[in-house]
Amino acid sequence: MEKKKIVVVGPAYPYRGGQSLVEAYLHRTITSLGYDSFTVSYKLLYPKIFFPGKTQFDESKFVPFEHNNKIRRILNSINPFTWFKAYKEIKKEKPDAVIIVWWMFFFGPCLGTLAWLIKHCMKNTKVCFLIENYISHENHWFERVIVKNTLCHADSFIAESHYIYDEIARDFPKAKIYETTLSVFDFYNMNRYDKSSARKFLNIENEDVILFFGLIRQYKGLDSLLEAMPKILEQRPNTKLMVVGECYEDFSKYQKIIDKNNLGNKIMLEQRFIANEDVEPYFKAADFVVMPYYSATQSGILMMAYGFQTPVITTNVGGMKELVSDKTGLLIENNSQELLVPAVVNMLAKKNETDYATSIAEFTRSIGYNSVNKILEDLTK
């Protein structure tokens, strides 16, 4: 019996970041379930003028779930000729379903055109949008119009949180919506370090270590955490904050907070994108990860932390409450000083009283792409 075929459309290696991880884990899951699959990726993702970072490409030595022979780099996000070329490539393969990764309104014209062509010209192929972010973190006033005009071409959706499910259902109340979560990003854990050796490697001698990890953007609330540090240090003076990640805005506003509060020797700054093979010691050295977000849908950083069985403190925004409990960390209502400071202090004080690692390991067995099998069966029947 011939294998059923599924095409994924989304950024794939050598592009870096959360969407490329989604593609990697999704491809691994689809193929492990016995489907024939390849990915239509991008030759150009963001034009340089729209990209705030140093590079869009992953320069790591270690590539997770490498499947370069299954990646066809066709799409240019701003070149309509490549959208039709991608459609022709997909049509030639006659897949049972096409899963399109959606996270940003900028790709509306490209992905909307592709979805329209598949839906109207390939009657035996179903179009499913996998939604990581429905509306971007910046929430521009015009986004919902673009999103609705793009996603109206879908036969179904896969929502990566119940929060996203509700967002889709608001605009498409009759749509068929499947629900899952992001995968747990466990490939970073290479088991080369424990807490002691990781701190030694990073030259950290403090008793308490907390971590802010990932791209630095306004919605992630680093300013709130830095403002909280003096009060945290009053009660836990032997604390080190690691701030690790490339900044996608002007870092000077954060540096002013650091300088104003004389935090220089209490903060370790690594303002760069961390290669896959170098991520482990930061999470292993930390007692927990702090994510004081102003907004979120779900979080790749949360799934990285869970991959290391490291607990988290995060705010009750988006779908975070679906994934964080008192057994895996601490959920606070917002990132105000009144809530953030006691949360960090109390969790540091009781860090050895709760077996977070065991609880996280148990919880993560029930999330991720565990539900994808039934979704794919339904998509391809």
Protein backbone atom coordinates (compact mmCIF):
# COMPACT_ATOMS: atom_id res chain seq x y z
CA MET A 1 0.00 0.00 0.00
CA GLU A 2 1.38 3.39 -1.03
CA LYS A 3 2.19 5.77 1.81
CA LYS A 4 -0.05 8.78 2.21
CA LYS A 5 1.75 12.03 1.48
CA ILE A 6 1.88 15.25 3.49
CA VAL A 7 3.64 18.44 2.44
CA VAL A 8 4.72 20.96 5.08
CA VAL A 9 5.13 24.61 4.09
CA GLY A 10 7.30 26.61 6.48
CA PRO A 11 10.79 27.85 7.32
CA ALA A 12 13.30 25.02 7.61
CA TYR A 13 17.00 24.78 8.32
CA PRO A 14 19.23 26.71 7.68
CA TYR A 15 16.73 29.30 8.94
CA ARG A 16 16.85 29.60 12.70
CA GLY A 17 14.29 30.22 15.40
CA GLY A 18 11.03 28.80 16.64
CA GLN A 19 9.33 28.24 13.29
CA SER A 20 12.27 26.19 12.02
CA LEU A 21 12.08 24.08 15.17
CA VAL A 22 8.35 23.59 14.58
CA GLU A 23 9.15 22.34 11.07
CA ALA A 24 11.91 20.02 12.32
CA TYR A 25 9.78 18.42 15.03
CA LEU A 26 6.75 18.25 12.74
CA HIS A 27 8.71 16.53 9.97
CA ARG A 28 10.14 14.04 12.45
CA THR A 29 6.68 13.30 13.82
CA ILE A 30 5.03 12.93 10.40
CA THR A 31 7.69 10.61 9.03
CA SER A 32 7.90 8.55 12.23
CA LEU A 33 4.17 7.84 11.82
CA GLY A 34 4.79 6.34 8.39
CA TYR A 35 3.81 9.19 6.07
CA ASP A 36 5.78 10.32 3.04
CA SER A 37 6.63 13.98 3.59
CA PHE A 38 8.73 16.84 2.34
CA THR A 39 8.89 20.53 3.20
CA VAL A 40 8.53 23.54 0.92
CA SER A 41 10.73 26.15 2.55
CA TYR A 42 11.98 29.62 1.69
CA LYS A 43 14.80 30.95 -0.43
CA LEU A 44 14.09 34.33 1.13
CA LEU A 45 12.19 34.65 4.40
CA TYR A 46 12.48 38.28 5.54
CA PRO A 47 14.03 41.00 3.35
CA LYS A 48 17.03 42.39 5.21
CA ILE A 49 15.32 45.74 5.74
CA PHE A 50 12.62 44.01 7.84
CA PHE A 51 14.90 41.78 9.90
CA PRO A 52 16.25 43.30 13.15
CA GLY A 53 18.84 40.63 13.96
CA LYS A 54 22.34 39.90 12.69
CA THR A 55 21.43 36.90 10.58
CA GLN A 56 18.37 34.80 9.77
CA PHE A 57 20.47 31.66 9.45
CA ASP A 58 21.44 29.02 11.96
CA GLU A 59 25.22 28.84 12.19
CA SER A 60 25.21 26.01 14.75
CA LYS A 61 27.43 22.99 14.28
CA PHE A 62 24.66 20.69 15.50
CA VAL A 63 21.46 20.49 13.42
CA PRO A 64 18.46 18.76 15.04
CA PHE A 65 16.75 15.99 13.04
CA GLU A 66 18.66 16.84 9.87
CA HIS A 67 16.58 16.09 6.73
CA ASN A 68 18.06 18.39 4.11
CA ASN A 69 17.15 15.95 1.33
CA LYS A 70 13.48 16.50 2.21
CA ILE A 71 13.60 20.32 2.08
CA ARG A 72 12.85 22.15 -1.17
CA ARG A 73 13.77 25.82 -0.97
CA ILE A 74 11.37 27.55 -3.33
CA LEU A 75 9.42 30.37 -1.72
CA ASN A 76 10.45 34.00 -1.70
CA SER A 77 8.09 35.84 0.63
CA ILE A 78 7.92 38.89 -1.66
CA ASN A 79 8.19 37.27 -5.11
CA PRO A 80 4.83 36.01 -6.45
CA PHE A 81 6.53 33.97 -9.20
CA THR A 82 7.95 31.69 -6.51
CA TRP A 83 4.52 31.25 -4.93
CA PHE A 84 3.24 29.77 -8.19
CA LYS A 85 6.40 27.70 -8.52
CA ALA A 86 5.80 26.25 -5.05
CA TYR A 87 2.20 25.46 -6.00
CA LYS A 88 3.33 23.62 -9.14
CA GLU A 89 5.87 21.61 -7.10
CA ILE A 90 3.17 20.62 -4.62
CA LYS A 91 0.66 19.81 -7.37
CA LYS A 92 3.18 17.52 -9.03
CA GLU A 93 3.44 15.44 -5.86
CA LYS A 94 -0.36 15.09 -5.36
CA PRO A 95 -0.26 15.11 -1.53
CA ASP A 96 -3.22 14.13 0.59
CA ALA A 97 -2.72 17.19 2.79
CA VAL A 98 -0.65 20.36 2.99
CA ILE A 99 0.17 21.77 6.43
CA ILE A 100 1.14 25.46 6.31
CA VAL A 101 2.99 26.95 9.28
CA TRP A 102 1.52 30.36 10.19
CA TRP A 103 2.96 32.86 12.66
CA MET A 104 3.17 36.33 11.11
CA PHE A 105 0.82 38.55 9.05
CA PHE A 106 3.74 39.58 6.80
CA PHE A 107 3.43 36.22 5.04
CA GLY A 108 -0.27 36.68 4.32
CA PRO A 109 0.01 37.42 0.58
CA CYS A 110 2.47 34.58 -0.02
CA LEU A 111 0.75 31.89 2.03
CA GLY A 112 -2.77 33.06 1.23
CA THR A 113 -2.09 32.82 -2.50
CA LEU A 114 -0.54 29.38 -2.11
CA ALA A 115 -3.45 28.13 0.00
CA TRP A 116 -5.99 29.51 -2.48
CA LEU A 117 -4.29 27.78 -5.41
CA ILE A 118 -4.14 24.44 -3.61
CA LYS A 119 -7.73 24.59 -2.38
CA HIS A 120 -9.26 25.63 -5.71
CA CYS A 121 -7.06 23.67 -8.10
CA MET A 122 -6.27 20.49 -6.14
CA LYS A 123 -9.63 19.12 -5.08
CA ASN A 124 -8.21 15.99 -3.43
CA THR A 125 -5.72 17.85 -1.23
CA LYS A 126 -6.71 19.34 2.10
CA VAL A 127 -5.21 22.62 3.32
CA CYS A 128 -4.46 22.89 7.04
CA PHE A 129 -2.85 25.87 8.74
CA LEU A 130 -0.77 25.10 11.82
CA ILE A 131 -1.09 28.23 13.97
CA GLU A 132 1.72 29.17 16.35
CA ASN A 133 0.79 32.86 16.65
CA TYR A 134 -2.60 33.96 15.34
CA ILE A 135 -1.95 37.68 15.82
CA SER A 136 1.64 38.88 16.29
CA HIS A 137 2.95 40.09 19.66
CA GLU A 138 2.91 43.67 18.36
CA ASN A 139 -0.84 43.33 17.54
CA HIS A 140 -1.01 45.94 14.78
CA TRP A 141 -4.49 47.32 14.17
CA PHE A 142 -4.66 45.98 10.60
CA GLU A 143 -3.48 42.42 11.29
CA ARG A 144 -6.78 40.69 11.85
CA VAL A 145 -7.99 41.71 8.39
CA ILE A 146 -4.90 40.17 6.76
CA VAL A 147 -5.12 37.07 8.93
CA LYS A 148 -8.80 36.46 8.13
CA ASN A 149 -8.26 37.01 4.41
CA THR A 150 -5.38 34.53 4.43
CA LEU A 151 -6.73 31.79 6.64
CA CYS A 152 -10.18 31.71 5.04
CA HIS A 153 -8.68 29.34 2.45
CA ALA A 154 -8.04 26.62 5.02
CA ASP A 155 -10.02 23.39 5.28
CA SER A 156 -8.91 23.06 8.91
CA PHE A 157 -6.53 24.38 11.55
CA ILE A 158 -4.11 23.00 14.12
CA ALA A 159 -3.94 25.31 17.14
CA GLU A 160 -0.80 25.04 19.28
CA SER A 161 -2.66 26.08 22.45
CA HIS A 162 -6.27 26.38 23.60
CA TYR A 163 -5.73 30.14 23.67
CA ILE A 164 -4.99 30.02 19.92
CA TYR A 165 -7.97 27.69 19.45
CA ASP A 166 -10.25 30.37 20.87
CA GLU A 167 -8.67 33.05 18.67
CA ILE A 168 -9.32 31.00 15.53
CA ALA A 169 -12.85 30.08 16.60
CA ARG A 170 -13.65 33.77 17.12
CA ASP A 171 -13.08 34.51 13.42
CA PHE A 172 -13.97 31.09 11.99
CA PRO A 173 -16.74 29.74 14.25
CA LYS A 174 -17.61 26.86 11.90
CA ALA A 175 -14.02 25.78 11.24
CA LYS A 176 -12.60 22.38 12.07
CA ILE A 177 -9.88 23.08 14.64
CA TYR A 178 -7.50 20.50 16.07
CA GLU A 179 -5.55 21.24 19.22
CA THR A 180 -2.00 20.41 20.29
CA THR A 181 0.94 22.23 21.89
CA LEU A 182 4.45 23.04 20.80
CA SER A 183 6.84 20.13 21.07
CA VAL A 184 9.12 20.00 24.06
CA PHE A 185 12.45 21.18 22.65
CA ASP A 186 14.57 18.45 24.20
CA PHE A 187 17.35 18.14 21.63
CA TYR A 188 19.41 20.89 23.29
CA ASN A 189 19.95 18.66 26.32
CA MET A 190 23.10 16.75 25.42
CA ASN A 191 23.73 15.63 29.00
CA ARG A 192 27.21 17.13 29.07
CA TYR A 193 26.65 19.13 32.28
CA ASP A 194 25.02 19.00 35.66
CA LYS A 195 24.31 22.13 37.73
CA SER A 196 27.75 22.21 39.32
CA SER A 197 29.76 21.69 36.14
CA ALA A 198 27.58 24.12 34.19
CA ARG A 199 28.19 26.88 36.75
CA LYS A 200 31.88 26.12 36.75
CA PHE A 201 31.95 26.31 32.94
CA LEU A 202 30.18 29.69 33.05
CA ASN A 203 32.39 30.91 35.91
CA ILE A 204 29.41 31.45 38.23
CA GLU A 205 29.97 31.05 41.96
CA ASN A 206 26.65 32.45 43.24
CA GLU A 207 24.31 30.39 45.36
CA ASP A 208 21.21 31.48 43.42
CA VAL A 209 21.11 31.68 39.61
CA ILE A 210 18.15 32.74 37.47
CA LEU A 211 17.95 32.86 33.68
CA PHE A 212 16.29 35.13 31.13
CA PHE A 213 16.83 33.44 27.77
CA GLY A 214 15.97 34.14 24.14
CA LEU A 215 15.51 37.02 21.77
CA ILE A 216 15.15 40.29 23.66
CA ARG A 217 11.97 42.03 22.51
CA GLN A 218 9.73 44.54 24.25
CA TYR A 219 6.88 42.11 24.96
CA LYS A 220 9.14 39.75 26.92
CA GLY A 221 9.41 42.06 29.93
CA LEU A 222 13.16 42.10 30.56
CA ASP A 223 12.78 45.68 31.79
CA SER A 224 10.42 44.48 34.52
CA LEU A 225 12.86 41.80 35.65
CA LEU A 226 15.79 44.23 35.76
CA GLU A 227 13.75 46.73 37.77
CA ALA A 228 12.91 43.92 40.21
CA MET A 229 16.51 42.85 40.75
CA PRO A 230 17.45 45.38 43.51
CA LYS A 231 14.53 44.19 45.66
CA ILE A 232 15.34 40.55 44.91
CA LEU A 233 18.95 41.15 45.91
CA GLU A 234 17.89 42.74 49.20
CA GLN A 235 16.50 39.36 50.24
CA ARG A 236 18.72 37.03 48.21
CA PRO A 237 22.03 38.94 47.90
CA ASN A 238 23.96 36.01 46.45
CA THR A 239 21.90 35.92 43.23
CA LYS A 240 23.15 36.06 39.66
CA LEU A 241 20.87 36.89 36.74
CA MET A 242 21.91 35.54 33.34
CA VAL A 243 20.49 37.52 30.41
CA VAL A 244 21.25 35.44 27.33
CA GLY A 245 20.06 36.22 23.83
CA GLU A 246 20.25 38.55 20.85
CA CYS A 247 18.54 41.90 21.28
CA TYR A 248 16.01 42.85 18.59
CA GLU A 249 15.73 46.45 19.80
CA ASP A 250 17.92 49.16 21.29
CA PHE A 251 19.55 47.60 24.36
CA SER A 252 20.38 51.02 25.83
CA LYS A 253 17.09 51.21 27.73
CA TYR A 254 17.99 47.98 29.53
CA GLN A 255 21.55 49.12 30.12
CA LYS A 256 20.25 52.30 31.77
CA ILE A 257 18.30 50.19 34.29
CA ILE A 258 21.39 48.09 34.97
CA ASP A 259 23.57 51.17 35.47
CA LYS A 260 20.97 53.03 37.54
CA ASN A 261 20.76 50.17 40.02
CA ASN A 262 24.48 49.24 39.99
CA LEU A 263 23.65 45.72 38.84
CA GLY A 264 26.75 45.20 36.71
CA ASN A 265 28.37 42.52 38.88
CA LYS A 266 25.04 40.78 39.50
CA ILE A 267 24.17 40.24 35.85
CA MET A 268 25.87 38.11 33.22
CA LEU A 269 25.08 39.47 29.75
CA GLU A 270 25.40 37.35 26.62
CA GLN A 271 23.95 39.50 23.83
CA ARG A 272 24.10 36.99 21.00
CA PHE A 273 22.16 34.15 19.47
CA ILE A 274 23.35 30.97 21.17
CA ALA A 275 24.28 28.06 18.91
CA ASN A 276 22.37 24.82 19.49
CA GLU A 277 25.39 23.03 20.92
CA ASP A 278 26.07 25.87 23.40
CA VAL A 279 22.62 26.22 24.97
CA GLU A 280 22.86 23.50 27.61
CA PRO A 281 25.05 25.07 30.31
CA TYR A 282 22.81 28.14 30.68
CA PHE A 283 19.71 26.08 31.49
CA LYS A 284 21.64 23.57 33.60
CA ALA A 285 23.25 26.36 35.66
CA ALA A 286 19.92 28.06 36.39
CA ASP A 287 17.71 27.31 39.36
CA PHE A 288 14.82 28.39 37.15
CA VAL A 289 13.94 30.46 34.10
CA VAL A 290 12.09 33.78 34.46
CA MET A 291 9.72 34.80 31.65
CA PRO A 292 8.00 38.02 32.81
CA TYR A 293 6.10 38.49 29.55
CA TYR A 294 3.66 41.29 28.84
CA SER A 295 2.03 39.12 26.16
CA ALA A 296 2.42 35.64 24.70
CA THR A 297 0.58 32.86 22.91
CA GLN A 298 2.78 30.00 24.01
CA SER A 299 6.56 29.96 24.36
CA GLY A 300 9.47 28.15 22.75
CA ILE A 301 11.61 29.20 25.72
CA LEU A 302 9.20 27.40 28.04
CA MET A 303 9.55 24.26 25.92
CA MET A 304 13.34 24.62 26.02
CA ALA A 305 13.23 24.88 29.82
CA TYR A 306 11.03 21.80 30.02
CA GLY A 307 13.48 20.00 27.74
CA PHE A 308 16.03 20.49 30.52
CA GLN A 309 13.43 19.79 33.23
CA THR A 310 14.11 23.30 34.53
CA PRO A 311 11.19 25.09 36.27
CA VAL A 312 9.91 28.51 35.26
CA ILE A 313 8.29 31.65 36.58
CA THR A 314 6.03 33.27 34.01
CA THR A 315 3.04 35.56 33.70
CA ASN A 316 -0.56 34.53 33.09
CA VAL A 317 -0.75 35.66 29.47
CA GLY A 318 -1.94 33.85 26.36
CA GLY A 319 -1.77 30.10 26.74
CA MET A 320 0.88 30.01 29.48
CA LYS A 321 -1.59 28.89 32.15
CA GLU A 322 -2.21 25.75 30.12
CA LEU A 323 1.39 24.67 30.52
CA VAL A 324 2.59 25.92 33.93
CA SER A 325 1.48 24.71 37.37
CA ASP A 326 2.95 24.79 40.87
CA LYS A 327 4.54 21.43 40.06
CA THR A 328 6.46 22.78 37.06
CA GLY A 329 7.09 26.34 38.22
CA LEU A 330 5.04 29.36 39.16
CA LEU A 331 2.43 31.38 37.31
CA ILE A 332 1.93 35.01 38.36
CA GLU A 333 -0.90 37.25 37.21
CA ASN A 334 1.36 39.97 35.77
CA ASN A 335 4.97 41.18 35.88
CA SER A 336 4.45 43.97 38.40
CA GLN A 337 7.09 44.36 41.11
CA GLU A 338 4.50 43.44 43.73
CA LEU A 339 4.13 39.98 42.21
CA LEU A 340 7.45 39.33 40.48
CA VAL A 341 9.76 40.06 43.42
CA PRO A 342 8.11 37.73 45.97
CA ALA A 343 7.69 35.05 43.29
CA VAL A 344 11.43 34.99 42.55
CA VAL A 345 12.46 35.29 46.22
CA ASN A 346 10.10 32.57 47.43
CA MET A 347 11.00 30.18 44.65
CA LEU A 348 14.71 30.65 45.36
CA ALA A 349 14.10 30.06 49.06
CA LYS A 350 12.20 26.83 48.41
CA LYS A 351 14.08 25.62 45.35
CA ASN A 352 15.25 22.42 47.04
CA GLU A 353 11.88 21.52 48.52
CA THR A 354 10.10 20.58 45.28
CA ASP A 355 11.17 17.88 42.83
CA TYR A 356 10.43 19.96 39.75
CA ALA A 357 12.44 17.72 37.42
CA THR A 358 10.29 14.66 38.08
CA SER A 359 7.07 16.63 37.78
CA ILE A 360 8.17 18.27 34.52
CA ALA A 361 9.23 14.92 33.05
CA GLU A 362 5.83 13.46 33.92
CA PHE A 363 3.90 16.46 32.59
CA THR A 364 5.75 16.67 29.28
CA ARG A 365 4.74 13.13 28.39
CA SER A 366 1.21 14.43 27.91
CA ILE A 367 1.98 17.46 25.70
CA GLY A 368 3.78 18.20 22.45
CA TYR A 369 2.88 16.46 19.22
CA ASN A 370 1.42 13.40 20.97
CA SER A 371 -1.98 14.18 19.46
CA VAL A 372 -0.69 14.57 15.90
CA ASN A 373 -1.28 10.93 14.97
CA LYS A 374 -5.06 11.26 15.17
CA ILE A 375 -4.95 14.67 13.50
CA LEU A 376 -3.03 13.30 10.52
CA GLU A 377 -5.35 10.32 10.21
CA ASP A 378 -8.29 12.69 9.99
CA LEU A 379 -6.53 15.03 7.56
CA THR A 380 -5.62 12.26 5.13
CA LYS A 381 -8.75 10.07 5.22
